[in-house]
Amino acid sequence: MATRGRPRTFDPDTALRQALEVFWERGYEGTSLNDLAQAMGIASASIYACFGGKEDLFRKVMALYGTTSGEPPRRALREQPTTRAAIHAMLRATADEITRPDAPHYCMLILAAPTGAVENHAIREFLAGLRHDQLATVKDRLARGVADGDLTAPHAGLDAIARYYTTVVQGLSLQARDGATRAELETVITCAMAAWDTLTSAPSHRAS
């Protein structure tokens, strides 16, 4: 029996990586379906057939980004033996990724977001959800440090510390996009880690 439909003449994995490059360079709103078709070397109809529309393709691209450029900072959080070392390594891995010579100098999760069009609300919420996951991952690593005993339950609170270091990650991306070098980002990381002892100090117990 003959198979129905025409066989694909392109590699979906290669096409997805090409789409990632376009979205990374231009952002979601700045990328048209025609831009994607040209970069991927396939017709718009093939994009719909294989990946869904632009929104579905972008979601798949972000999943790929998370397992490639987004993985080193998460790996640092998982693998470093102490909480302080994990946070420090996460920041350094972030700076490494956003200053690579072969990619745009910013994090897609931070700066590929839509900015205003009403029809892009779902993508804004999708990216906000990914950023919330990033915050939760940092907070979970702090909680693990408390459980492991290398971090005393801090006076500032785990949520506040997680938000602080997540904000540093996001700020590094903005700095890199505006031209900061890897060495300049390292000075920011040094300042951020200088705050560690104060942020993670245990509550003081005053005698009554």
N, C-alpha and C. Protein backbone atom coordinates (compact mmCIF):
# COMPACT_ATOMS: atom_id res chain seq x y z
N MET A 1 0.86 -1.20 0.00
CA MET A 1 0.00 0.00 0.00
C MET A 1 0.89 1.24 0.00
N ALA A 2 0.57 2.18 -0.84
CA ALA A 2 1.36 3.41 -0.92
C ALA A 2 1.12 4.27 0.31
N THR A 3 2.17 4.91 0.80
CA THR A 3 2.01 5.82 1.93
C THR A 3 1.39 7.12 1.47
N ARG A 4 0.62 7.73 2.37
CA ARG A 4 -0.05 8.97 2.04
C ARG A 4 0.85 10.16 2.36
N GLY A 5 0.70 11.22 1.58
CA GLY A 5 1.46 12.44 1.84
C GLY A 5 2.83 12.39 1.22
N ARG A 6 3.42 13.56 1.13
CA ARG A 6 4.75 13.66 0.54
C ARG A 6 5.81 13.51 1.63
N PRO A 7 6.89 12.79 1.36
CA PRO A 7 7.94 12.65 2.38
C PRO A 7 8.64 13.99 2.63
N ARG A 8 9.13 14.16 3.87
CA ARG A 8 9.86 15.37 4.19
C ARG A 8 11.19 15.40 3.44
N THR A 9 11.55 16.59 3.02
CA THR A 9 12.82 16.76 2.33
C THR A 9 13.79 17.58 3.18
N PHE A 10 13.52 17.70 4.47
CA PHE A 10 14.39 18.45 5.36
C PHE A 10 14.50 17.71 6.69
N ASP A 11 15.54 18.03 7.43
CA ASP A 11 15.75 17.44 8.75
C ASP A 11 15.11 18.34 9.80
N PRO A 12 14.09 17.86 10.51
CA PRO A 12 13.41 18.72 11.50
C PRO A 12 14.34 19.27 12.58
N ASP A 13 15.31 18.48 13.03
CA ASP A 13 16.23 18.95 14.07
C ASP A 13 17.08 20.11 13.58
N THR A 14 17.57 19.99 12.34
CA THR A 14 18.37 21.07 11.76
C THR A 14 17.51 22.31 11.57
N ALA A 15 16.29 22.11 11.08
CA ALA A 15 15.38 23.24 10.86
C ALA A 15 15.06 23.94 12.17
N LEU A 16 14.90 23.17 13.24
CA LEU A 16 14.58 23.77 14.54
C LEU A 16 15.76 24.61 15.04
N ARG A 17 16.96 24.14 14.84
CA ARG A 17 18.13 24.92 15.24
C ARG A 17 18.26 26.21 14.42
N GLN A 18 17.89 26.14 13.15
CA GLN A 18 17.91 27.33 12.32
C GLN A 18 16.86 28.33 12.79
N ALA A 19 15.70 27.82 13.19
CA ALA A 19 14.66 28.70 13.73
C ALA A 19 15.11 29.34 15.03
N LEU A 20 15.83 28.59 15.86
CA LEU A 20 16.35 29.15 17.11
C LEU A 20 17.25 30.34 16.83
N GLU A 21 18.12 30.21 15.83
CA GLU A 21 19.03 31.30 15.51
C GLU A 21 18.27 32.56 15.11
N VAL A 22 17.18 32.40 14.34
CA VAL A 22 16.41 33.56 13.90
C VAL A 22 15.70 34.21 15.08
N PHE A 23 15.02 33.42 15.89
CA PHE A 23 14.32 33.97 17.06
C PHE A 23 15.31 34.63 18.02
N TRP A 24 16.47 34.02 18.19
CA TRP A 24 17.48 34.56 19.11
C TRP A 24 17.99 35.91 18.61
N GLU A 25 18.16 36.03 17.32
CA GLU A 25 18.68 37.26 16.75
C GLU A 25 17.64 38.37 16.72
N ARG A 26 16.39 38.02 16.43
CA ARG A 26 15.36 39.04 16.18
C ARG A 26 14.28 39.15 17.25
N GLY A 27 14.23 38.19 18.16
CA GLY A 27 13.15 38.18 19.13
C GLY A 27 11.87 37.65 18.52
N TYR A 28 10.89 37.39 19.36
CA TYR A 28 9.65 36.79 18.87
C TYR A 28 8.88 37.73 17.95
N GLU A 29 8.66 38.96 18.41
CA GLU A 29 7.86 39.89 17.61
C GLU A 29 8.58 40.35 16.35
N GLY A 30 9.90 40.34 16.38
CA GLY A 30 10.66 40.79 15.22
C GLY A 30 10.87 39.73 14.17
N THR A 31 10.35 38.53 14.42
CA THR A 31 10.52 37.42 13.49
C THR A 31 9.20 37.11 12.79
N SER A 32 9.23 37.10 11.46
CA SER A 32 8.03 36.76 10.69
C SER A 32 8.11 35.30 10.23
N LEU A 33 6.98 34.77 9.82
CA LEU A 33 6.96 33.41 9.29
C LEU A 33 7.82 33.32 8.03
N ASN A 34 7.84 34.39 7.25
CA ASN A 34 8.68 34.40 6.06
C ASN A 34 10.17 34.35 6.42
N ASP A 35 10.55 35.09 7.48
CA ASP A 35 11.93 35.03 7.97
C ASP A 35 12.31 33.59 8.33
N LEU A 36 11.40 32.92 9.00
CA LEU A 36 11.67 31.55 9.43
C LEU A 36 11.77 30.61 8.24
N ALA A 37 10.86 30.78 7.28
CA ALA A 37 10.87 29.92 6.10
C ALA A 37 12.18 30.06 5.33
N GLN A 38 12.65 31.31 5.20
CA GLN A 38 13.90 31.53 4.48
C GLN A 38 15.08 30.93 5.22
N ALA A 39 15.13 31.12 6.53
CA ALA A 39 16.26 30.61 7.31
C ALA A 39 16.26 29.09 7.37
N MET A 40 15.08 28.51 7.44
CA MET A 40 14.95 27.06 7.57
C MET A 40 15.01 26.36 6.21
N GLY A 41 14.87 27.14 5.14
CA GLY A 41 14.93 26.58 3.80
C GLY A 41 13.75 25.73 3.44
N ILE A 42 12.59 26.03 4.03
CA ILE A 42 11.38 25.26 3.75
C ILE A 42 10.21 26.22 3.57
N ALA A 43 9.13 25.72 3.01
CA ALA A 43 7.95 26.55 2.79
C ALA A 43 7.19 26.73 4.10
N SER A 44 6.42 27.83 4.15
CA SER A 44 5.61 28.09 5.35
C SER A 44 4.68 26.93 5.64
N ALA A 45 4.15 26.32 4.58
CA ALA A 45 3.24 25.19 4.78
C ALA A 45 3.94 24.04 5.49
N SER A 46 5.22 23.85 5.22
CA SER A 46 5.98 22.79 5.88
C SER A 46 6.22 23.10 7.35
N ILE A 47 6.38 24.40 7.65
CA ILE A 47 6.54 24.80 9.05
C ILE A 47 5.28 24.44 9.83
N TYR A 48 4.12 24.77 9.26
CA TYR A 48 2.85 24.45 9.92
C TYR A 48 2.70 22.94 10.07
N ALA A 49 3.04 22.20 9.02
CA ALA A 49 2.84 20.76 9.04
C ALA A 49 3.73 20.07 10.06
N CYS A 50 4.96 20.55 10.21
CA CYS A 50 5.92 19.89 11.09
C CYS A 50 5.93 20.44 12.51
N PHE A 51 5.79 21.75 12.63
CA PHE A 51 5.97 22.38 13.93
C PHE A 51 4.72 23.08 14.47
N GLY A 52 3.69 23.24 13.65
CA GLY A 52 2.58 24.10 14.03
C GLY A 52 2.88 25.51 13.55
N GLY A 53 2.17 26.49 14.05
CA GLY A 53 2.40 27.88 13.65
C GLY A 53 3.61 28.48 14.33
N LYS A 54 3.74 29.78 14.18
CA LYS A 54 4.89 30.50 14.75
C LYS A 54 4.97 30.32 16.27
N GLU A 55 3.83 30.40 16.94
CA GLU A 55 3.84 30.27 18.40
C GLU A 55 4.29 28.88 18.83
N ASP A 56 3.76 27.85 18.18
CA ASP A 56 4.16 26.48 18.52
C ASP A 56 5.65 26.26 18.24
N LEU A 57 6.11 26.80 17.13
CA LEU A 57 7.53 26.66 16.78
C LEU A 57 8.39 27.34 17.83
N PHE A 58 7.98 28.52 18.29
CA PHE A 58 8.76 29.24 19.29
C PHE A 58 8.84 28.45 20.60
N ARG A 59 7.74 27.82 20.98
CA ARG A 59 7.76 27.02 22.20
C ARG A 59 8.75 25.85 22.07
N LYS A 60 8.80 25.24 20.90
CA LYS A 60 9.76 24.16 20.66
C LYS A 60 11.19 24.70 20.66
N VAL A 61 11.38 25.89 20.10
CA VAL A 61 12.69 26.52 20.10
C VAL A 61 13.16 26.79 21.52
N MET A 62 12.27 27.27 22.37
CA MET A 62 12.66 27.56 23.75
C MET A 62 13.00 26.29 24.51
N ALA A 63 12.34 25.19 24.18
CA ALA A 63 12.70 23.91 24.81
C ALA A 63 14.11 23.50 24.39
N LEU A 64 14.42 23.69 23.11
CA LEU A 64 15.77 23.40 22.62
C LEU A 64 16.78 24.32 23.28
N TYR A 65 16.46 25.59 23.39
CA TYR A 65 17.37 26.55 24.03
C TYR A 65 17.65 26.14 25.47
N GLY A 66 16.60 25.66 26.15
CA GLY A 66 16.77 25.26 27.54
C GLY A 66 17.71 24.10 27.72
N THR A 67 17.77 23.20 26.73
CA THR A 67 18.64 22.03 26.84
C THR A 67 20.03 22.27 26.26
N THR A 68 20.25 23.44 25.67
CA THR A 68 21.57 23.78 25.11
C THR A 68 22.17 24.94 25.90
N SER A 69 21.94 26.16 25.48
CA SER A 69 22.54 27.31 26.15
C SER A 69 22.01 27.51 27.57
N GLY A 70 20.81 27.06 27.82
CA GLY A 70 20.25 27.23 29.16
C GLY A 70 20.70 26.19 30.16
N GLU A 71 21.37 25.15 29.69
CA GLU A 71 21.73 24.04 30.58
C GLU A 71 22.93 24.31 31.48
N PRO A 72 24.02 24.96 31.02
CA PRO A 72 25.18 25.14 31.91
C PRO A 72 24.87 25.83 33.25
N PRO A 73 24.07 26.90 33.29
CA PRO A 73 23.77 27.48 34.61
C PRO A 73 23.00 26.52 35.52
N ARG A 74 22.06 25.76 34.96
CA ARG A 74 21.32 24.80 35.77
C ARG A 74 22.23 23.67 36.25
N ARG A 75 23.13 23.24 35.37
CA ARG A 75 24.07 22.20 35.77
C ARG A 75 24.94 22.67 36.93
N ALA A 76 25.34 23.93 36.88
CA ALA A 76 26.15 24.48 37.96
C ALA A 76 25.40 24.42 39.29
N LEU A 77 24.12 24.73 39.25
CA LEU A 77 23.33 24.67 40.48
C LEU A 77 23.23 23.24 41.00
N ARG A 78 23.11 22.29 40.10
CA ARG A 78 22.96 20.89 40.51
C ARG A 78 24.25 20.30 41.05
N GLU A 79 25.37 20.60 40.40
CA GLU A 79 26.59 19.82 40.61
C GLU A 79 27.57 20.40 41.62
N GLN A 80 27.52 21.70 41.89
CA GLN A 80 28.47 22.26 42.85
C GLN A 80 28.14 21.78 44.26
N PRO A 81 29.16 21.49 45.05
CA PRO A 81 28.92 20.84 46.35
C PRO A 81 28.33 21.73 47.42
N THR A 82 28.58 23.04 47.34
CA THR A 82 28.02 23.95 48.35
C THR A 82 27.10 24.96 47.68
N THR A 83 26.22 25.54 48.47
CA THR A 83 25.26 26.49 47.92
C THR A 83 25.95 27.72 47.36
N ARG A 84 26.91 28.24 48.11
CA ARG A 84 27.62 29.43 47.62
C ARG A 84 28.32 29.15 46.30
N ALA A 85 29.00 28.01 46.24
CA ALA A 85 29.70 27.65 45.01
C ALA A 85 28.72 27.46 43.86
N ALA A 86 27.55 26.93 44.15
CA ALA A 86 26.53 26.71 43.12
C ALA A 86 26.02 28.03 42.55
N ILE A 87 25.73 28.99 43.41
CA ILE A 87 25.25 30.29 42.95
C ILE A 87 26.34 31.01 42.16
N HIS A 88 27.56 30.97 42.67
CA HIS A 88 28.68 31.61 41.98
C HIS A 88 28.88 30.99 40.60
N ALA A 89 28.87 29.66 40.54
CA ALA A 89 29.07 28.98 39.26
C ALA A 89 27.92 29.25 38.30
N MET A 90 26.71 29.36 38.82
CA MET A 90 25.56 29.68 37.98
C MET A 90 25.74 31.04 37.31
N LEU A 91 26.16 32.03 38.08
CA LEU A 91 26.37 33.37 37.53
C LEU A 91 27.49 33.36 36.48
N ARG A 92 28.56 32.65 36.77
CA ARG A 92 29.68 32.60 35.82
C ARG A 92 29.30 31.85 34.55
N ALA A 93 28.55 30.77 34.69
CA ALA A 93 28.11 30.03 33.51
C ALA A 93 27.17 30.89 32.66
N THR A 94 26.32 31.67 33.32
CA THR A 94 25.44 32.59 32.59
C THR A 94 26.26 33.59 31.79
N ALA A 95 27.26 34.19 32.44
CA ALA A 95 28.11 35.17 31.76
C ALA A 95 28.85 34.54 30.59
N ASP A 96 29.29 33.30 30.76
CA ASP A 96 29.97 32.61 29.67
C ASP A 96 29.04 32.45 28.46
N GLU A 97 27.80 32.02 28.72
CA GLU A 97 26.87 31.73 27.64
C GLU A 97 26.44 33.00 26.89
N ILE A 98 26.27 34.09 27.60
CA ILE A 98 25.75 35.30 26.96
C ILE A 98 26.84 36.17 26.35
N THR A 99 28.08 35.71 26.42
CA THR A 99 29.18 36.42 25.74
C THR A 99 29.90 35.51 24.75
N ARG A 100 29.28 34.40 24.39
CA ARG A 100 29.88 33.52 23.38
C ARG A 100 30.03 34.25 22.05
N PRO A 101 31.15 34.05 21.36
CA PRO A 101 31.35 34.76 20.09
C PRO A 101 30.46 34.25 18.96
N ASP A 102 29.87 33.07 19.12
CA ASP A 102 29.09 32.48 18.04
C ASP A 102 27.58 32.61 18.23
N ALA A 103 27.15 33.50 19.14
CA ALA A 103 25.72 33.65 19.41
C ALA A 103 25.43 35.09 19.85
N PRO A 104 24.17 35.53 19.73
CA PRO A 104 23.82 36.86 20.23
C PRO A 104 24.14 36.99 21.72
N HIS A 105 24.50 38.19 22.13
CA HIS A 105 24.94 38.40 23.50
C HIS A 105 23.78 38.76 24.42
N TYR A 106 22.92 37.79 24.62
CA TYR A 106 21.87 37.92 25.63
C TYR A 106 21.16 36.59 25.78
N CYS A 107 20.42 36.47 26.85
CA CYS A 107 19.65 35.26 27.12
C CYS A 107 18.28 35.36 26.44
N MET A 108 17.91 34.36 25.67
CA MET A 108 16.62 34.38 24.98
C MET A 108 15.46 34.46 25.97
N LEU A 109 15.61 33.81 27.09
CA LEU A 109 14.55 33.78 28.08
C LEU A 109 14.23 35.18 28.60
N ILE A 110 15.24 36.04 28.63
CA ILE A 110 15.07 37.39 29.16
C ILE A 110 14.67 38.38 28.07
N LEU A 111 15.30 38.29 26.91
CA LEU A 111 15.17 39.37 25.94
C LEU A 111 14.49 39.00 24.62
N ALA A 112 14.00 37.77 24.48
CA ALA A 112 13.24 37.42 23.28
C ALA A 112 11.75 37.63 23.48
N ALA A 113 11.37 38.17 24.63
CA ALA A 113 9.96 38.29 24.97
C ALA A 113 9.26 39.34 24.12
N PRO A 114 7.97 39.10 23.80
CA PRO A 114 7.16 40.13 23.14
C PRO A 114 7.00 41.34 24.07
N THR A 115 6.79 42.49 23.48
CA THR A 115 6.72 43.71 24.29
C THR A 115 5.36 44.38 24.35
N GLY A 116 4.45 44.10 23.41
CA GLY A 116 3.22 44.86 23.50
C GLY A 116 2.02 44.33 22.75
N ALA A 117 2.21 43.63 21.67
CA ALA A 117 1.07 43.23 20.84
C ALA A 117 0.12 42.34 21.63
N VAL A 118 -1.16 42.68 21.59
CA VAL A 118 -2.17 41.94 22.36
C VAL A 118 -2.18 40.47 21.97
N GLU A 119 -2.02 40.19 20.69
CA GLU A 119 -2.10 38.81 20.23
C GLU A 119 -0.95 37.95 20.73
N ASN A 120 0.07 38.57 21.32
CA ASN A 120 1.21 37.80 21.82
C ASN A 120 1.16 37.58 23.33
N HIS A 121 -0.01 37.80 23.91
CA HIS A 121 -0.15 37.63 25.36
C HIS A 121 0.24 36.22 25.80
N ALA A 122 -0.16 35.21 25.04
CA ALA A 122 0.13 33.83 25.44
C ALA A 122 1.63 33.58 25.50
N ILE A 123 2.38 34.15 24.57
CA ILE A 123 3.83 33.97 24.58
C ILE A 123 4.46 34.72 25.74
N ARG A 124 3.96 35.92 26.04
CA ARG A 124 4.47 36.64 27.21
C ARG A 124 4.28 35.80 28.48
N GLU A 125 3.09 35.21 28.61
CA GLU A 125 2.82 34.39 29.79
C GLU A 125 3.69 33.13 29.81
N PHE A 126 3.92 32.56 28.64
CA PHE A 126 4.77 31.38 28.52
C PHE A 126 6.19 31.69 28.99
N LEU A 127 6.75 32.80 28.53
CA LEU A 127 8.11 33.17 28.92
C LEU A 127 8.17 33.56 30.39
N ALA A 128 7.13 34.23 30.88
CA ALA A 128 7.09 34.57 32.31
C ALA A 128 7.10 33.29 33.14
N GLY A 129 6.39 32.27 32.66
CA GLY A 129 6.37 30.99 33.37
C GLY A 129 7.75 30.35 33.41
N LEU A 130 8.49 30.43 32.31
CA LEU A 130 9.85 29.90 32.29
C LEU A 130 10.76 30.66 33.26
N ARG A 131 10.58 31.97 33.33
CA ARG A 131 11.39 32.76 34.26
C ARG A 131 11.01 32.45 35.71
N HIS A 132 9.74 32.19 35.96
CA HIS A 132 9.33 31.78 37.31
C HIS A 132 9.97 30.43 37.67
N ASP A 133 10.06 29.55 36.68
CA ASP A 133 10.73 28.26 36.91
C ASP A 133 12.20 28.47 37.25
N GLN A 134 12.82 29.44 36.59
CA GLN A 134 14.22 29.76 36.87
C GLN A 134 14.37 30.22 38.32
N LEU A 135 13.49 31.09 38.76
CA LEU A 135 13.50 31.55 40.15
C LEU A 135 13.32 30.37 41.10
N ALA A 136 12.36 29.50 40.78
CA ALA A 136 12.09 28.36 41.65
C ALA A 136 13.30 27.43 41.74
N THR A 137 14.03 27.28 40.64
CA THR A 137 15.21 26.42 40.63
C THR A 137 16.29 26.97 41.56
N VAL A 138 16.48 28.28 41.53
CA VAL A 138 17.46 28.90 42.43
C VAL A 138 17.01 28.74 43.88
N LYS A 139 15.74 28.98 44.13
CA LYS A 139 15.22 28.86 45.50
C LYS A 139 15.34 27.42 46.01
N ASP A 140 15.08 26.46 45.13
CA ASP A 140 15.22 25.05 45.52
C ASP A 140 16.66 24.72 45.90
N ARG A 141 17.61 25.33 45.18
CA ARG A 141 19.03 25.06 45.50
C ARG A 141 19.39 25.65 46.86
N LEU A 142 18.84 26.81 47.18
CA LEU A 142 19.07 27.39 48.50
C LEU A 142 18.46 26.50 49.58
N ALA A 143 17.25 26.01 49.33
CA ALA A 143 16.60 25.12 50.30
C ALA A 143 17.40 23.84 50.48
N ARG A 144 17.96 23.33 49.41
CA ARG A 144 18.81 22.15 49.51
C ARG A 144 20.02 22.43 50.38
N GLY A 145 20.58 23.65 50.26
CA GLY A 145 21.71 24.01 51.10
C GLY A 145 21.35 24.00 52.58
N VAL A 146 20.15 24.49 52.90
CA VAL A 146 19.69 24.47 54.29
C VAL A 146 19.54 23.03 54.76
N ALA A 147 18.94 22.19 53.91
CA ALA A 147 18.74 20.79 54.26
C ALA A 147 20.06 20.06 54.43
N ASP A 148 21.03 20.40 53.59
CA ASP A 148 22.35 19.75 53.66
C ASP A 148 23.19 20.26 54.83
N GLY A 149 22.82 21.40 55.38
CA GLY A 149 23.56 21.93 56.51
C GLY A 149 24.69 22.87 56.16
N ASP A 150 24.87 23.18 54.85
CA ASP A 150 25.94 24.12 54.51
C ASP A 150 25.43 25.55 54.45
N LEU A 151 24.14 25.74 54.69
CA LEU A 151 23.54 27.07 54.72
C LEU A 151 22.56 27.12 55.87
N THR A 152 22.77 28.06 56.79
CA THR A 152 21.83 28.26 57.89
C THR A 152 20.64 29.05 57.37
N ALA A 153 19.46 28.71 57.82
CA ALA A 153 18.25 29.42 57.38
C ALA A 153 18.49 30.92 57.53
N PRO A 154 18.57 31.66 56.42
CA PRO A 154 19.01 33.05 56.49
C PRO A 154 17.93 34.01 56.96
N HIS A 155 18.40 35.08 57.56
CA HIS A 155 17.49 36.13 58.03
C HIS A 155 16.71 36.75 56.87
N ALA A 156 17.35 36.92 55.72
CA ALA A 156 16.70 37.57 54.58
C ALA A 156 15.59 36.72 53.99
N GLY A 157 15.63 35.41 54.17
CA GLY A 157 14.63 34.52 53.60
C GLY A 157 15.07 33.98 52.25
N LEU A 158 14.75 32.72 52.00
CA LEU A 158 15.19 32.08 50.77
C LEU A 158 14.59 32.74 49.53
N ASP A 159 13.34 33.15 49.62
CA ASP A 159 12.70 33.75 48.45
C ASP A 159 13.40 35.05 48.07
N ALA A 160 13.71 35.87 49.05
CA ALA A 160 14.37 37.15 48.76
C ALA A 160 15.75 36.94 48.15
N ILE A 161 16.50 35.98 48.68
CA ILE A 161 17.84 35.72 48.14
C ILE A 161 17.75 35.16 46.73
N ALA A 162 16.80 34.26 46.51
CA ALA A 162 16.61 33.70 45.17
C ALA A 162 16.24 34.79 44.18
N ARG A 163 15.37 35.69 44.59
CA ARG A 163 14.98 36.79 43.70
C ARG A 163 16.16 37.71 43.41
N TYR A 164 16.98 37.94 44.40
CA TYR A 164 18.14 38.80 44.19
C TYR A 164 19.07 38.21 43.13
N TYR A 165 19.43 36.94 43.29
CA TYR A 165 20.39 36.35 42.35
C TYR A 165 19.75 36.09 40.98
N THR A 166 18.45 35.86 40.94
CA THR A 166 17.78 35.76 39.65
C THR A 166 17.78 37.10 38.94
N THR A 167 17.61 38.17 39.70
CA THR A 167 17.67 39.51 39.13
C THR A 167 19.07 39.82 38.60
N VAL A 168 20.09 39.35 39.29
CA VAL A 168 21.46 39.52 38.79
C VAL A 168 21.62 38.80 37.44
N VAL A 169 21.11 37.58 37.35
CA VAL A 169 21.16 36.83 36.09
C VAL A 169 20.51 37.64 34.97
N GLN A 170 19.34 38.17 35.25
CA GLN A 170 18.63 38.94 34.22
C GLN A 170 19.38 40.22 33.87
N GLY A 171 19.97 40.86 34.86
CA GLY A 171 20.74 42.07 34.60
C GLY A 171 22.00 41.81 33.78
N LEU A 172 22.63 40.67 34.01
CA LEU A 172 23.80 40.31 33.21
C LEU A 172 23.44 40.25 31.73
N SER A 173 22.26 39.71 31.44
CA SER A 173 21.83 39.60 30.05
C SER A 173 21.66 40.97 29.42
N LEU A 174 21.06 41.89 30.14
CA LEU A 174 20.88 43.24 29.63
C LEU A 174 22.23 43.92 29.42
N GLN A 175 23.15 43.74 30.36
CA GLN A 175 24.47 44.33 30.24
C GLN A 175 25.20 43.78 29.01
N ALA A 176 25.10 42.46 28.81
CA ALA A 176 25.77 41.84 27.66
C ALA A 176 25.19 42.35 26.36
N ARG A 177 23.88 42.48 26.29
CA ARG A 177 23.26 42.98 25.06
C ARG A 177 23.74 44.39 24.75
N ASP A 178 23.98 45.17 25.79
CA ASP A 178 24.42 46.55 25.59
C ASP A 178 25.92 46.68 25.43
N GLY A 179 26.62 45.55 25.33
CA GLY A 179 28.03 45.60 24.97
C GLY A 179 29.02 45.26 26.06
N ALA A 180 28.57 44.91 27.26
CA ALA A 180 29.50 44.57 28.33
C ALA A 180 30.30 43.32 27.95
N THR A 181 31.58 43.34 28.24
CA THR A 181 32.44 42.20 27.95
C THR A 181 32.34 41.16 29.05
N ARG A 182 32.92 40.00 28.78
CA ARG A 182 32.93 38.94 29.81
C ARG A 182 33.65 39.43 31.06
N ALA A 183 34.75 40.15 30.89
CA ALA A 183 35.49 40.65 32.05
C ALA A 183 34.66 41.65 32.84
N GLU A 184 33.91 42.49 32.14
CA GLU A 184 33.06 43.46 32.84
C GLU A 184 31.93 42.77 33.59
N LEU A 185 31.38 41.72 33.01
CA LEU A 185 30.35 40.96 33.71
C LEU A 185 30.91 40.27 34.95
N GLU A 186 32.18 39.88 34.88
CA GLU A 186 32.81 39.24 36.05
C GLU A 186 32.87 40.20 37.23
N THR A 187 33.04 41.49 36.97
CA THR A 187 33.06 42.46 38.08
C THR A 187 31.68 42.54 38.74
N VAL A 188 30.62 42.41 37.95
CA VAL A 188 29.27 42.40 38.52
C VAL A 188 29.09 41.16 39.39
N ILE A 189 29.56 40.02 38.90
CA ILE A 189 29.44 38.77 39.65
C ILE A 189 30.21 38.86 40.96
N THR A 190 31.39 39.46 40.91
CA THR A 190 32.18 39.62 42.13
C THR A 190 31.42 40.44 43.16
N CYS A 191 30.79 41.52 42.72
CA CYS A 191 30.00 42.35 43.64
C CYS A 191 28.80 41.58 44.19
N ALA A 192 28.16 40.81 43.32
CA ALA A 192 26.99 40.04 43.76
C ALA A 192 27.37 39.01 44.81
N MET A 193 28.51 38.37 44.62
CA MET A 193 28.93 37.36 45.59
C MET A 193 29.48 37.98 46.86
N ALA A 194 29.92 39.23 46.78
CA ALA A 194 30.37 39.91 47.99
C ALA A 194 29.21 40.11 48.96
N ALA A 195 27.98 40.09 48.43
CA ALA A 195 26.80 40.27 49.28
C ALA A 195 26.36 38.96 49.93
N TRP A 196 26.96 37.84 49.55
CA TRP A 196 26.49 36.54 50.00
C TRP A 196 26.45 36.40 51.52
N ASP A 197 27.54 36.75 52.18
CA ASP A 197 27.60 36.55 53.63
C ASP A 197 26.53 37.36 54.35
N THR A 198 26.30 38.59 53.88
CA THR A 198 25.27 39.41 54.51
C THR A 198 23.88 38.84 54.26
N LEU A 199 23.63 38.44 53.03
CA LEU A 199 22.30 37.92 52.67
C LEU A 199 21.98 36.61 53.37
N THR A 200 22.99 35.80 53.59
CA THR A 200 22.75 34.46 54.15
C THR A 200 23.05 34.37 55.64
N SER A 201 23.25 35.50 56.28
CA SER A 201 23.52 35.47 57.72
C SER A 201 22.29 34.97 58.46
N ALA A 202 22.54 34.24 59.53
CA ALA A 202 21.45 33.72 60.32
C ALA A 202 20.82 34.82 61.15
N PRO A 203 19.56 34.66 61.53
CA PRO A 203 18.90 35.68 62.38
C PRO A 203 19.66 35.83 63.69
N SER A 204 19.76 37.09 64.13
CA SER A 204 20.42 37.34 65.41
C SER A 204 19.43 37.05 66.54
N HIS A 205 19.94 36.50 67.64
CA HIS A 205 19.09 36.19 68.79
C HIS A 205 19.52 37.07 69.95
N ARG A 206 18.70 38.06 70.22
CA ARG A 206 19.02 38.97 71.32
C ARG A 206 18.56 38.39 72.65
N ALA A 207 19.37 38.59 73.64
CA ALA A 207 18.98 38.13 74.98
C ALA A 207 17.84 38.98 75.48
N SER A 208 16.86 38.35 76.14
CA SER A 208 15.69 39.09 76.65
C SER A 208 16.03 39.71 77.99
